[in-house]
């Protein structure tokens, strides 16, 4: 979750209203998929998509593209919600979560990992080098060292200063909106028609030590089914986990819904079960034809969309109006 300032949110808005001023999702003409297609969360997805496109254009797989794309955000110390720049928990400790999933249905995940800049690369190693899906905490650390990853201090001076200012009041408010969000999730449809995805985060800022959100949970923060499509999530992980958001979106696409309609339905499932007046969740989806969808609870969720060689920053439609 990046940033400290919060935007006011209006609780009296009807849950079934959408933001009509949001940009429409570009969909290619039937029979013209314009591959590759890459979609990722928030403005930091622009640089991630750029790297992912380079990987695909030089013969890399969708998995290669997804992993290397989000690694750009993980390595950016100015990004307060992912990787080395991530804001710490309430004890001043940075812990990271990440997962990957490929076109074969394989998955790898790490959670509550400390001391490594690229948890996404370690998650991929879990998928490729072990019979497991998820490793946590000290076990994930030991595995990372076995795989040759080097430990380093992830608490930057900027993040440390933010934590020191927060600790004065220690007011934990897990609000996530346009100024205060988390996660980069990236899903890609490669030139060969295969799908893959990656999701990585430092989680909610100043969280309770040991808290894990949706980002490393297969079916919550990310889900890929090469026969149907892929989806990823950002925002308050607890809301996503309670509704298995990404899995739900892919299953709705399997039943015939478009990526856009599936994202909207998943957001409405959250709204039906909890008060959404002060939380944000955003969903992204791709089907195997290259159609995309994006939707959020609150306005302010933007995302990077690449189709062919073009990348643009889009504003998602939302359940509540500004």
C-alpha atoms as a PDB file:
ATOM      1  CA  UNK A   1       0.000   0.000   0.000  1.00  0.00           C
ATOM      2  CA  UNK A   2       1.794   3.151  -1.168  1.00  0.00           C
ATOM      3  CA  UNK A   3       1.457   6.657   0.110  1.00  0.00           C
ATOM      4  CA  UNK A   4       0.220   8.192   3.350  1.00  0.00           C
ATOM      5  CA  UNK A   5      -2.416  10.750   2.313  1.00  0.00           C
ATOM      6  CA  UNK A   6      -5.969   9.551   1.801  1.00  0.00           C
ATOM      7  CA  UNK A   7      -8.706  10.870  -0.437  1.00  0.00           C
ATOM      8  CA  UNK A   8     -12.197  11.213   1.054  1.00  0.00           C
ATOM      9  CA  UNK A   9     -14.672   8.610  -0.103  1.00  0.00           C
ATOM     10  CA  UNK A  10     -18.439   8.978  -0.200  1.00  0.00           C
ATOM     11  CA  UNK A  11     -20.382   6.189   1.518  1.00  0.00           C
ATOM     12  CA  UNK A  12     -23.867   7.207   0.436  1.00  0.00           C
ATOM     13  CA  UNK A  13     -23.439   6.232  -3.200  1.00  0.00           C
ATOM     14  CA  UNK A  14     -25.440   3.296  -4.529  1.00  0.00           C
ATOM     15  CA  UNK A  15     -23.333   0.207  -5.130  1.00  0.00           C
ATOM     16  CA  UNK A  16     -24.777  -0.481  -8.564  1.00  0.00           C
ATOM     17  CA  UNK A  17     -23.742   2.828 -10.087  1.00  0.00           C
ATOM     18  CA  UNK A  18     -20.754   2.911 -12.392  1.00  0.00           C
ATOM     19  CA  UNK A  19     -18.428   5.703 -13.337  1.00  0.00           C
ATOM     20  CA  UNK A  20     -19.737   6.585 -16.788  1.00  0.00           C
ATOM     21  CA  UNK A  21     -16.863   8.972 -17.470  1.00  0.00           C
ATOM     22  CA  UNK A  22     -14.208   6.264 -17.328  1.00  0.00           C
ATOM     23  CA  UNK A  23     -12.478   5.367 -20.569  1.00  0.00           C
ATOM     24  CA  UNK A  24     -13.856   2.454 -22.567  1.00  0.00           C
ATOM     25  CA  UNK A  25     -11.728  -0.675 -22.841  1.00  0.00           C
ATOM     26  CA  UNK A  26     -10.176  -0.953 -26.318  1.00  0.00           C
ATOM     27  CA  UNK A  27     -11.138  -4.308 -27.830  1.00  0.00           C
ATOM     28  CA  UNK A  28      -9.694  -5.390 -31.186  1.00  0.00           C
ATOM     29  CA  UNK A  29     -12.006  -6.313 -34.064  1.00  0.00           C
ATOM     30  CA  UNK A  30     -13.154  -9.919 -34.147  1.00  0.00           C
ATOM     31  CA  UNK A  31     -10.460 -12.131 -35.559  1.00  0.00           C
ATOM     32  CA  UNK A  32      -7.704  -9.548 -34.977  1.00  0.00           C
ATOM     33  CA  UNK A  33      -6.256 -10.214 -31.513  1.00  0.00           C
ATOM     34  CA  UNK A  34      -3.297  -7.830 -31.991  1.00  0.00           C
ATOM     35  CA  UNK A  35      -0.934  -9.843 -29.860  1.00  0.00           C
ATOM     36  CA  UNK A  36       0.739  -9.542 -27.482  1.00  0.00           C
ATOM     37  CA  UNK A  37      -1.620  -8.140 -24.856  1.00  0.00           C
ATOM     38  CA  UNK A  38      -0.329  -7.029 -21.457  1.00  0.00           C
ATOM     39  CA  UNK A  39      -2.311  -5.392 -18.674  1.00  0.00           C
ATOM     40  CA  UNK A  40      -1.021  -4.334 -15.255  1.00  0.00           C
ATOM     41  CA  UNK A  41      -2.141  -2.371 -12.223  1.00  0.00           C
ATOM     42  CA  UNK A  42      -1.574   1.318 -11.528  1.00  0.00           C
ATOM     43  CA  UNK A  43       0.709   3.825 -13.224  1.00  0.00           C
ATOM     44  CA  UNK A  44       3.835   1.901 -12.250  1.00  0.00           C
ATOM     45  CA  UNK A  45       2.530  -0.680 -14.706  1.00  0.00           C
ATOM     46  CA  UNK A  46       3.665   1.524 -17.594  1.00  0.00           C
ATOM     47  CA  UNK A  47       7.343   0.755 -17.000  1.00  0.00           C
ATOM     48  CA  UNK A  48       6.522  -2.856 -16.181  1.00  0.00           C
ATOM     49  CA  UNK A  49       4.609  -3.264 -19.452  1.00  0.00           C
ATOM     50  CA  UNK A  50       7.455  -1.679 -21.372  1.00  0.00           C
ATOM     51  CA  UNK A  51       9.879  -4.264 -20.049  1.00  0.00           C
ATOM     52  CA  UNK A  52       7.391  -7.092 -20.592  1.00  0.00           C
ATOM     53  CA  UNK A  53       6.950  -6.040 -24.229  1.00  0.00           C
ATOM     54  CA  UNK A  54      10.710  -6.090 -24.754  1.00  0.00           C
ATOM     55  CA  UNK A  55      10.828  -9.635 -23.412  1.00  0.00           C
ATOM     56  CA  UNK A  56       8.022 -10.828 -25.687  1.00  0.00           C
ATOM     57  CA  UNK A  57       9.444  -9.049 -28.733  1.00  0.00           C
ATOM     58  CA  UNK A  58      12.770 -10.846 -28.255  1.00  0.00           C
ATOM     59  CA  UNK A  59      11.243 -14.307 -28.032  1.00  0.00           C
ATOM     60  CA  UNK A  60      10.498 -14.589 -24.323  1.00  0.00           C
ATOM     61  CA  UNK A  61       7.447 -16.366 -22.988  1.00  0.00           C
ATOM     62  CA  UNK A  62       4.451 -14.752 -21.322  1.00  0.00           C
ATOM     63  CA  UNK A  63       5.834 -15.981 -17.993  1.00  0.00           C
ATOM     64  CA  UNK A  64       9.225 -14.401 -18.701  1.00  0.00           C
ATOM     65  CA  UNK A  65       7.462 -11.158 -19.588  1.00  0.00           C
ATOM     66  CA  UNK A  66       5.266 -11.123 -16.500  1.00  0.00           C
ATOM     67  CA  UNK A  67       8.125 -11.842 -14.113  1.00  0.00           C
ATOM     68  CA  UNK A  68      10.611  -9.419 -15.655  1.00  0.00           C
ATOM     69  CA  UNK A  69       7.926  -6.768 -15.995  1.00  0.00           C
ATOM     70  CA  UNK A  70       7.033  -6.652 -12.307  1.00  0.00           C
ATOM     71  CA  UNK A  71      10.698  -6.868 -11.337  1.00  0.00           C
ATOM     72  CA  UNK A  72      10.997  -3.294 -12.621  1.00  0.00           C
ATOM     73  CA  UNK A  73       8.619  -2.150  -9.883  1.00  0.00           C
ATOM     74  CA  UNK A  74      10.294  -4.366  -7.274  1.00  0.00           C
ATOM     75  CA  UNK A  75      13.663  -2.737  -7.964  1.00  0.00           C
ATOM     76  CA  UNK A  76      12.364   0.855  -7.825  1.00  0.00           C
ATOM     77  CA  UNK A  77      13.155   2.411  -4.411  1.00  0.00           C
ATOM     78  CA  UNK A  78      10.686   5.211  -5.135  1.00  0.00           C
ATOM     79  CA  UNK A  79       7.815   2.731  -5.316  1.00  0.00           C
ATOM     80  CA  UNK A  80       6.423   2.586  -1.779  1.00  0.00           C
ATOM     81  CA  UNK A  81       4.217  -0.453  -2.327  1.00  0.00           C
ATOM     82  CA  UNK A  82       6.475  -3.038  -3.976  1.00  0.00           C
ATOM     83  CA  UNK A  83       9.927  -4.479  -3.422  1.00  0.00           C
ATOM     84  CA  UNK A  84      12.844  -2.535  -2.021  1.00  0.00           C
ATOM     85  CA  UNK A  85      10.921   0.719  -1.539  1.00  0.00           C
ATOM     86  CA  UNK A  86       7.933  -0.903   0.153  1.00  0.00           C
ATOM     87  CA  UNK A  87       6.645   0.618   3.369  1.00  0.00           C
ATOM     88  CA  UNK A  88       7.275  -1.572   6.425  1.00  0.00           C
ATOM     89  CA  UNK A  89       4.910  -3.147   8.912  1.00  0.00           C
ATOM     90  CA  UNK A  90       4.124  -1.517  12.253  1.00  0.00           C
ATOM     91  CA  UNK A  91       7.367  -2.927  13.689  1.00  0.00           C
ATOM     92  CA  UNK A  92       9.446  -1.257  10.965  1.00  0.00           C
ATOM     93  CA  UNK A  93      10.110  -4.493   9.079  1.00  0.00           C
ATOM     94  CA  UNK A  94       9.573  -4.833   5.320  1.00  0.00           C
ATOM     95  CA  UNK A  95       7.975  -8.135   4.349  1.00  0.00           C
ATOM     96  CA  UNK A  96       7.091  -9.059   0.777  1.00  0.00           C
ATOM     97  CA  UNK A  97       4.574 -11.362  -0.924  1.00  0.00           C
ATOM     98  CA  UNK A  98       4.486 -12.567  -4.534  1.00  0.00           C
ATOM     99  CA  UNK A  99       3.177 -15.278  -6.842  1.00  0.00           C
ATOM    100  CA  UNK A 100       3.380 -16.445 -10.447  1.00  0.00           C
ATOM    101  CA  UNK A 101       1.225 -18.724 -12.586  1.00  0.00           C
ATOM    102  CA  UNK A 102       1.870 -20.010 -16.099  1.00  0.00           C
ATOM    103  CA  UNK A 103      -0.076 -21.436 -19.033  1.00  0.00           C
ATOM    104  CA  UNK A 104       0.388 -24.989 -17.800  1.00  0.00           C
ATOM    105  CA  UNK A 105      -1.449 -24.247 -14.575  1.00  0.00           C
ATOM    106  CA  UNK A 106       1.749 -24.327 -12.539  1.00  0.00           C
ATOM    107  CA  UNK A 107       2.041 -21.833  -9.677  1.00  0.00           C
ATOM    108  CA  UNK A 108       4.653 -20.599  -7.233  1.00  0.00           C
ATOM    109  CA  UNK A 109       4.381 -18.266  -4.288  1.00  0.00           C
ATOM    110  CA  UNK A 110       6.280 -16.736  -1.371  1.00  0.00           C
ATOM    111  CA  UNK A 111       4.823 -14.814   1.539  1.00  0.00           C
ATOM    112  CA  UNK A 112       6.108 -12.996   4.617  1.00  0.00           C
ATOM    113  CA  UNK A 113       9.523 -12.914   2.951  1.00  0.00           C
ATOM    114  CA  UNK A 114      12.137 -10.497   4.277  1.00  0.00           C
ATOM    115  CA  UNK A 115      15.465  -9.358   2.871  1.00  0.00           C
ATOM    116  CA  UNK A 116      15.136 -10.015  -0.876  1.00  0.00           C
ATOM    117  CA  UNK A 117      14.412  -7.409  -3.549  1.00  0.00           C
ATOM    118  CA  UNK A 118      12.770  -9.785  -6.025  1.00  0.00           C
ATOM    119  CA  UNK A 119      10.247 -12.079  -4.334  1.00  0.00           C
ATOM    120  CA  UNK A 120       8.670 -12.703  -7.747  1.00  0.00           C
ATOM    121  CA  UNK A 121      11.845 -14.406  -8.986  1.00  0.00           C
ATOM    122  CA  UNK A 122      11.896 -16.550  -5.852  1.00  0.00           C
ATOM    123  CA  UNK A 123       8.222 -17.449  -6.363  1.00  0.00           C
ATOM    124  CA  UNK A 124       9.100 -18.621  -9.866  1.00  0.00           C
ATOM    125  CA  UNK A 125      11.849 -20.812  -8.429  1.00  0.00           C
ATOM    126  CA  UNK A 126       9.339 -22.325  -5.993  1.00  0.00           C
ATOM    127  CA  UNK A 127       7.196 -23.237  -9.008  1.00  0.00           C
ATOM    128  CA  UNK A 128      10.033 -24.601 -11.098  1.00  0.00           C
ATOM    129  CA  UNK A 129      12.352 -26.184  -8.523  1.00  0.00           C
ATOM    130  CA  UNK A 130      10.040 -27.635  -5.853  1.00  0.00           C
ATOM    131  CA  UNK A 131       6.876 -29.768  -5.675  1.00  0.00           C
ATOM    132  CA  UNK A 132       5.245 -27.008  -3.616  1.00  0.00           C
ATOM    133  CA  UNK A 133       3.188 -23.927  -4.442  1.00  0.00           C
ATOM    134  CA  UNK A 134       3.922 -21.667  -1.455  1.00  0.00           C
ATOM    135  CA  UNK A 135       6.821 -21.106   0.927  1.00  0.00           C
ATOM    136  CA  UNK A 136       6.554 -18.689   3.853  1.00  0.00           C
ATOM    137  CA  UNK A 137       8.764 -16.673   6.163  1.00  0.00           C
ATOM    138  CA  UNK A 138      11.981 -18.328   7.290  1.00  0.00           C
ATOM    139  CA  UNK A 139      11.386 -21.307   5.026  1.00  0.00           C
ATOM    140  CA  UNK A 140      11.114 -19.018   2.007  1.00  0.00           C
ATOM    141  CA  UNK A 141      14.266 -17.209   3.139  1.00  0.00           C
ATOM    142  CA  UNK A 142      16.278 -20.421   3.391  1.00  0.00           C
ATOM    143  CA  UNK A 143      15.055 -21.532  -0.024  1.00  0.00           C
ATOM    144  CA  UNK A 144      16.006 -18.186  -1.574  1.00  0.00           C
ATOM    145  CA  UNK A 145      19.530 -18.495  -0.195  1.00  0.00           C
ATOM    146  CA  UNK A 146      19.764 -22.049  -1.544  1.00  0.00           C
ATOM    147  CA  UNK A 147      18.782 -20.721  -4.963  1.00  0.00           C
ATOM    148  CA  UNK A 148      21.577 -18.144  -4.870  1.00  0.00           C
ATOM    149  CA  UNK A 149      19.586 -14.997  -4.084  1.00  0.00           C
ATOM    150  CA  UNK A 150      21.381 -12.420  -1.941  1.00  0.00           C
ATOM    151  CA  UNK A 151      19.918 -10.807   1.154  1.00  0.00           C
ATOM    152  CA  UNK A 152      19.905  -7.058   1.638  1.00  0.00           C
ATOM    153  CA  UNK A 153      18.241  -4.403   3.756  1.00  0.00           C
ATOM    154  CA  UNK A 154      14.951  -3.391   2.116  1.00  0.00           C
ATOM    155  CA  UNK A 155      14.160  -0.475   4.427  1.00  0.00           C
ATOM    156  CA  UNK A 156      15.080   2.651   2.462  1.00  0.00           C
ATOM    157  CA  UNK A 157      15.629   6.017   4.123  1.00  0.00           C
ATOM    158  CA  UNK A 158      12.327   7.262   2.702  1.00  0.00           C
ATOM    159  CA  UNK A 159      10.393   4.272   4.004  1.00  0.00           C
ATOM    160  CA  UNK A 160      12.116   4.470   7.382  1.00  0.00           C
ATOM    161  CA  UNK A 161      11.204   8.144   7.695  1.00  0.00           C
ATOM    162  CA  UNK A 162       7.572   7.422   6.812  1.00  0.00           C
ATOM    163  CA  UNK A 163       7.451   4.677   9.458  1.00  0.00           C
ATOM    164  CA  UNK A 164       9.041   6.916  12.100  1.00  0.00           C
ATOM    165  CA  UNK A 165       6.416   9.573  11.402  1.00  0.00           C
ATOM    166  CA  UNK A 166       3.605   7.025  11.502  1.00  0.00           C
ATOM    167  CA  UNK A 167       4.774   5.456  14.767  1.00  0.00           C
ATOM    168  CA  UNK A 168       4.178   8.727  16.592  1.00  0.00           C
ATOM    169  CA  UNK A 169       0.438   8.092  16.440  1.00  0.00           C
ATOM    170  CA  UNK A 170       0.464   4.423  15.366  1.00  0.00           C
ATOM    171  CA  UNK A 171      -2.947   4.931  13.780  1.00  0.00           C
ATOM    172  CA  UNK A 172      -3.576   1.841  11.661  1.00  0.00           C
ATOM    173  CA  UNK A 173      -6.103   2.535   8.935  1.00  0.00           C
ATOM    174  CA  UNK A 174      -5.881   0.035   6.076  1.00  0.00           C
ATOM    175  CA  UNK A 175      -7.551   2.355   3.571  1.00  0.00           C
ATOM    176  CA  UNK A 176      -6.517   1.805   0.002  1.00  0.00           C
ATOM    177  CA  UNK A 177      -7.437   4.279  -2.718  1.00  0.00           C
ATOM    178  CA  UNK A 178      -5.835   6.281  -5.502  1.00  0.00           C
ATOM    179  CA  UNK A 179      -3.254   7.809  -3.163  1.00  0.00           C
ATOM    180  CA  UNK A 180      -2.826   4.841  -0.898  1.00  0.00           C
ATOM    181  CA  UNK A 181      -2.668   1.548  -2.759  1.00  0.00           C
ATOM    182  CA  UNK A 182      -0.592  -1.554  -3.100  1.00  0.00           C
ATOM    183  CA  UNK A 183       0.582  -4.272  -5.477  1.00  0.00           C
ATOM    184  CA  UNK A 184       1.578  -4.643  -9.065  1.00  0.00           C
ATOM    185  CA  UNK A 185      -0.272  -7.417 -10.828  1.00  0.00           C
ATOM    186  CA  UNK A 186       0.583  -8.093 -14.480  1.00  0.00           C
ATOM    187  CA  UNK A 187      -1.068 -10.601 -16.814  1.00  0.00           C
ATOM    188  CA  UNK A 188       0.068 -11.245 -20.363  1.00  0.00           C
ATOM    189  CA  UNK A 189      -1.074 -13.022 -23.511  1.00  0.00           C
ATOM    190  CA  UNK A 190       1.991 -13.843 -25.582  1.00  0.00           C
ATOM    191  CA  UNK A 191       2.493 -14.120 -29.313  1.00  0.00           C
ATOM    192  CA  UNK A 192       2.000 -17.886 -29.035  1.00  0.00           C
ATOM    193  CA  UNK A 193      -1.438 -17.439 -27.463  1.00  0.00           C
ATOM    194  CA  UNK A 194      -0.307 -18.557 -24.022  1.00  0.00           C
ATOM    195  CA  UNK A 195      -1.182 -16.721 -20.804  1.00  0.00           C
ATOM    196  CA  UNK A 196       0.811 -16.074 -17.636  1.00  0.00           C
ATOM    197  CA  UNK A 197       0.786 -13.682 -14.718  1.00  0.00           C
ATOM    198  CA  UNK A 198       2.740 -12.262 -11.809  1.00  0.00           C
ATOM    199  CA  UNK A 199       1.700 -10.387  -8.682  1.00  0.00           C
ATOM    200  CA  UNK A 200       4.004  -8.793  -6.087  1.00  0.00           C
ATOM    201  CA  UNK A 201       3.656  -6.396  -3.149  1.00  0.00           C
ATOM    202  CA  UNK A 202       4.943  -5.178   0.190  1.00  0.00           C
ATOM    203  CA  UNK A 203       1.346  -5.204   1.383  1.00  0.00           C
ATOM    204  CA  UNK A 204      -0.605  -2.763   3.494  1.00  0.00           C
ATOM    205  CA  UNK A 205       1.677  -0.151   5.030  1.00  0.00           C
ATOM    206  CA  UNK A 206       2.233  -0.450   8.795  1.00  0.00           C
ATOM    207  CA  UNK A 207       0.309  -3.729   8.914  1.00  0.00           C
ATOM    208  CA  UNK A 208       0.513  -6.080  11.903  1.00  0.00           C
ATOM    209  CA  UNK A 209       3.732  -8.090  11.753  1.00  0.00           C
ATOM    210  CA  UNK A 210       2.988 -11.375   9.996  1.00  0.00           C
ATOM    211  CA  UNK A 211       0.002 -10.139   7.994  1.00  0.00           C
ATOM    212  CA  UNK A 212      -0.264 -11.608   4.493  1.00  0.00           C
ATOM    213  CA  UNK A 213      -2.663 -10.280   1.881  1.00  0.00           C
ATOM    214  CA  UNK A 214      -4.095 -11.632  -1.343  1.00  0.00           C
ATOM    215  CA  UNK A 215      -1.076 -11.078  -3.599  1.00  0.00           C
ATOM    216  CA  UNK A 216       0.635 -14.441  -2.984  1.00  0.00           C
ATOM    217  CA  UNK A 217      -2.631 -16.393  -2.821  1.00  0.00           C
ATOM    218  CA  UNK A 218      -3.411 -18.322  -6.000  1.00  0.00           C
ATOM    219  CA  UNK A 219      -7.035 -17.614  -6.882  1.00  0.00           C
ATOM    220  CA  UNK A 220      -7.149 -14.364  -4.913  1.00  0.00           C
ATOM    221  CA  UNK A 221      -4.435 -11.995  -6.149  1.00  0.00           C
ATOM    222  CA  UNK A 222      -3.824 -13.933  -9.367  1.00  0.00           C
ATOM    223  CA  UNK A 223      -5.301 -16.768 -11.393  1.00  0.00           C
ATOM    224  CA  UNK A 224      -4.465 -18.082 -14.866  1.00  0.00           C
ATOM    225  CA  UNK A 225      -6.305 -20.732 -16.881  1.00  0.00           C
ATOM    226  CA  UNK A 226      -4.928 -21.001 -20.381  1.00  0.00           C
ATOM    227  CA  UNK A 227      -8.217 -22.368 -21.715  1.00  0.00           C
ATOM    228  CA  UNK A 228     -10.154 -19.336 -20.516  1.00  0.00           C
ATOM    229  CA  UNK A 229      -8.185 -16.296 -19.370  1.00  0.00           C
ATOM    230  CA  UNK A 230      -6.344 -14.640 -16.513  1.00  0.00           C
ATOM    231  CA  UNK A 231      -7.117 -12.129 -13.773  1.00  0.00           C
ATOM    232  CA  UNK A 232      -5.259 -10.179 -11.120  1.00  0.00           C
ATOM    233  CA  UNK A 233      -6.221  -7.939  -8.222  1.00  0.00           C
ATOM    234  CA  UNK A 234      -4.998  -4.924  -6.282  1.00  0.00           C
ATOM    235  CA  UNK A 235      -6.277  -3.142  -3.208  1.00  0.00           C
ATOM    236  CA  UNK A 236      -7.365  -4.398   0.198  1.00  0.00           C
ATOM    237  CA  UNK A 237      -6.315  -8.033   0.175  1.00  0.00           C
ATOM    238  CA  UNK A 238      -8.730  -9.114   2.876  1.00  0.00           C
ATOM    239  CA  UNK A 239     -11.678  -8.199   0.632  1.00  0.00           C
ATOM    240  CA  UNK A 240     -10.186 -10.057  -2.324  1.00  0.00           C
ATOM    241  CA  UNK A 241      -9.387 -13.177  -0.300  1.00  0.00           C
ATOM    242  CA  UNK A 242     -12.893 -13.384   1.160  1.00  0.00           C
ATOM    243  CA  UNK A 243     -14.343 -13.642  -2.341  1.00  0.00           C
ATOM    244  CA  UNK A 244     -11.528 -15.521  -4.186  1.00  0.00           C
ATOM    245  CA  UNK A 245     -11.622 -12.614  -6.625  1.00  0.00           C
ATOM    246  CA  UNK A 246      -9.262 -13.619  -9.435  1.00  0.00           C
ATOM    247  CA  UNK A 247     -10.495 -17.212  -9.541  1.00  0.00           C
ATOM    248  CA  UNK A 248     -14.074 -15.926  -9.586  1.00  0.00           C
ATOM    249  CA  UNK A 249     -13.361 -13.693 -12.578  1.00  0.00           C
ATOM    250  CA  UNK A 250     -11.809 -16.526 -14.591  1.00  0.00           C
ATOM    251  CA  UNK A 251     -14.708 -18.834 -13.754  1.00  0.00           C
ATOM    252  CA  UNK A 252     -17.206 -16.178 -14.811  1.00  0.00           C
ATOM    253  CA  UNK A 253     -15.353 -15.881 -18.130  1.00  0.00           C
ATOM    254  CA  UNK A 254     -15.517 -19.656 -18.441  1.00  0.00           C
ATOM    255  CA  UNK A 255     -19.297 -19.359 -18.126  1.00  0.00           C
ATOM    256  CA  UNK A 256     -19.391 -16.878 -21.007  1.00  0.00           C
ATOM    257  CA  UNK A 257     -19.015 -13.452 -19.427  1.00  0.00           C
ATOM    258  CA  UNK A 258     -16.667 -10.950 -21.022  1.00  0.00           C
ATOM    259  CA  UNK A 259     -13.566  -9.917 -19.047  1.00  0.00           C
ATOM    260  CA  UNK A 260     -15.208  -6.573 -18.319  1.00  0.00           C
ATOM    261  CA  UNK A 261     -18.477  -8.105 -17.087  1.00  0.00           C
ATOM    262  CA  UNK A 262     -16.554 -10.635 -14.986  1.00  0.00           C
ATOM    263  CA  UNK A 263     -14.518  -7.903 -13.280  1.00  0.00           C
ATOM    264  CA  UNK A 264     -17.677  -5.966 -12.543  1.00  0.00           C
ATOM    265  CA  UNK A 265     -19.414  -9.005 -11.054  1.00  0.00           C
ATOM    266  CA  UNK A 266     -16.412  -9.762  -8.824  1.00  0.00           C
ATOM    267  CA  UNK A 267     -16.467  -6.203  -7.475  1.00  0.00           C
ATOM    268  CA  UNK A 268     -20.185  -6.460  -6.785  1.00  0.00           C
ATOM    269  CA  UNK A 269     -19.619  -9.672  -4.822  1.00  0.00           C
ATOM    270  CA  UNK A 270     -17.400  -7.692  -2.442  1.00  0.00           C
ATOM    271  CA  UNK A 271     -19.937  -4.876  -2.172  1.00  0.00           C
ATOM    272  CA  UNK A 272     -22.670  -7.377  -1.325  1.00  0.00           C
ATOM    273  CA  UNK A 273     -20.698  -8.757   1.604  1.00  0.00           C
ATOM    274  CA  UNK A 274     -19.001  -5.763   3.227  1.00  0.00           C
ATOM    275  CA  UNK A 275     -19.028  -1.992   3.578  1.00  0.00           C
ATOM    276  CA  UNK A 276     -16.961  -0.630   0.696  1.00  0.00           C
ATOM    277  CA  UNK A 277     -17.219   3.060   1.561  1.00  0.00           C
ATOM    278  CA  UNK A 278     -13.577   3.348   2.609  1.00  0.00           C
ATOM    279  CA  UNK A 279     -11.789   0.538   0.778  1.00  0.00           C
ATOM    280  CA  UNK A 280     -10.496   0.019  -2.722  1.00  0.00           C
ATOM    281  CA  UNK A 281     -10.158  -3.121  -4.819  1.00  0.00           C
ATOM    282  CA  UNK A 282      -9.305  -3.137  -8.511  1.00  0.00           C
ATOM    283  CA  UNK A 283      -9.493  -6.074 -10.920  1.00  0.00           C
ATOM    284  CA  UNK A 284      -7.924  -6.691 -14.333  1.00  0.00           C
ATOM    285  CA  UNK A 285      -8.633  -9.554 -16.738  1.00  0.00           C
ATOM    286  CA  UNK A 286      -7.704 -10.928 -20.172  1.00  0.00           C
ATOM    287  CA  UNK A 287      -9.446 -13.712 -22.042  1.00  0.00           C
ATOM    288  CA  UNK A 288      -7.553 -15.971 -24.403  1.00  0.00           C
ATOM    289  CA  UNK A 289      -8.824 -13.983 -27.409  1.00  0.00           C
ATOM    290  CA  UNK A 290      -7.101 -10.842 -26.119  1.00  0.00           C
ATOM    291  CA  UNK A 291     -10.159  -9.002 -24.834  1.00  0.00           C
ATOM    292  CA  UNK A 292      -9.537  -7.152 -21.565  1.00  0.00           C
ATOM    293  CA  UNK A 293     -11.510  -5.861 -18.615  1.00  0.00           C
ATOM    294  CA  UNK A 294     -10.879  -3.511 -15.697  1.00  0.00           C
ATOM    295  CA  UNK A 295     -13.087  -2.471 -12.798  1.00  0.00           C
ATOM    296  CA  UNK A 296     -12.783  -1.160  -9.253  1.00  0.00           C
ATOM    297  CA  UNK A 297     -14.865  -0.374  -6.200  1.00  0.00           C
ATOM    298  CA  UNK A 298     -13.800   3.268  -5.988  1.00  0.00           C
ATOM    299  CA  UNK A 299     -12.838   5.703  -8.742  1.00  0.00           C
ATOM    300  CA  UNK A 300      -9.139   6.363  -9.169  1.00  0.00           C
ATOM    301  CA  UNK A 301      -7.903   2.936 -10.235  1.00  0.00           C
ATOM    302  CA  UNK A 302      -5.702   3.209 -13.305  1.00  0.00           C
ATOM    303  CA  UNK A 303      -3.826   0.559 -15.229  1.00  0.00           C
ATOM    304  CA  UNK A 304      -1.397   0.088 -18.092  1.00  0.00           C
ATOM    305  CA  UNK A 305      -2.637  -1.649 -21.243  1.00  0.00           C
ATOM    306  CA  UNK A 306      -0.366  -2.831 -24.047  1.00  0.00           C
ATOM    307  CA  UNK A 307      -1.781  -4.199 -27.279  1.00  0.00           C
ATOM    308  CA  UNK A 308       0.651  -4.963 -30.077  1.00  0.00           C
ATOM    309  CA  UNK A 309       3.412  -2.381 -29.631  1.00  0.00           C
ATOM    310  CA  UNK A 310       1.265   0.379 -28.100  1.00  0.00           C
ATOM    311  CA  UNK A 311       0.976   1.034 -24.358  1.00  0.00           C
ATOM    312  CA  UNK A 312      -1.509   3.437 -22.797  1.00  0.00           C
ATOM    313  CA  UNK A 313      -2.559   4.372 -19.265  1.00  0.00           C
ATOM    314  CA  UNK A 314      -6.273   3.818 -18.705  1.00  0.00           C
ATOM    315  CA  UNK A 315      -8.813   4.735 -16.022  1.00  0.00           C
ATOM    316  CA  UNK A 316     -11.027   1.868 -14.921  1.00  0.00           C
ATOM    317  CA  UNK A 317     -14.752   2.128 -14.469  1.00  0.00           C
ATOM    318  CA  UNK A 318     -15.847   1.946 -10.854  1.00  0.00           C
ATOM    319  CA  UNK A 319     -18.802   0.768  -8.795  1.00  0.00           C
ATOM    320  CA  UNK A 320     -19.040   4.086  -6.956  1.00  0.00           C
ATOM    321  CA  UNK A 321     -18.961   7.452  -8.682  1.00  0.00           C
ATOM    322  CA  UNK A 322     -16.478  10.237  -7.736  1.00  0.00           C
END
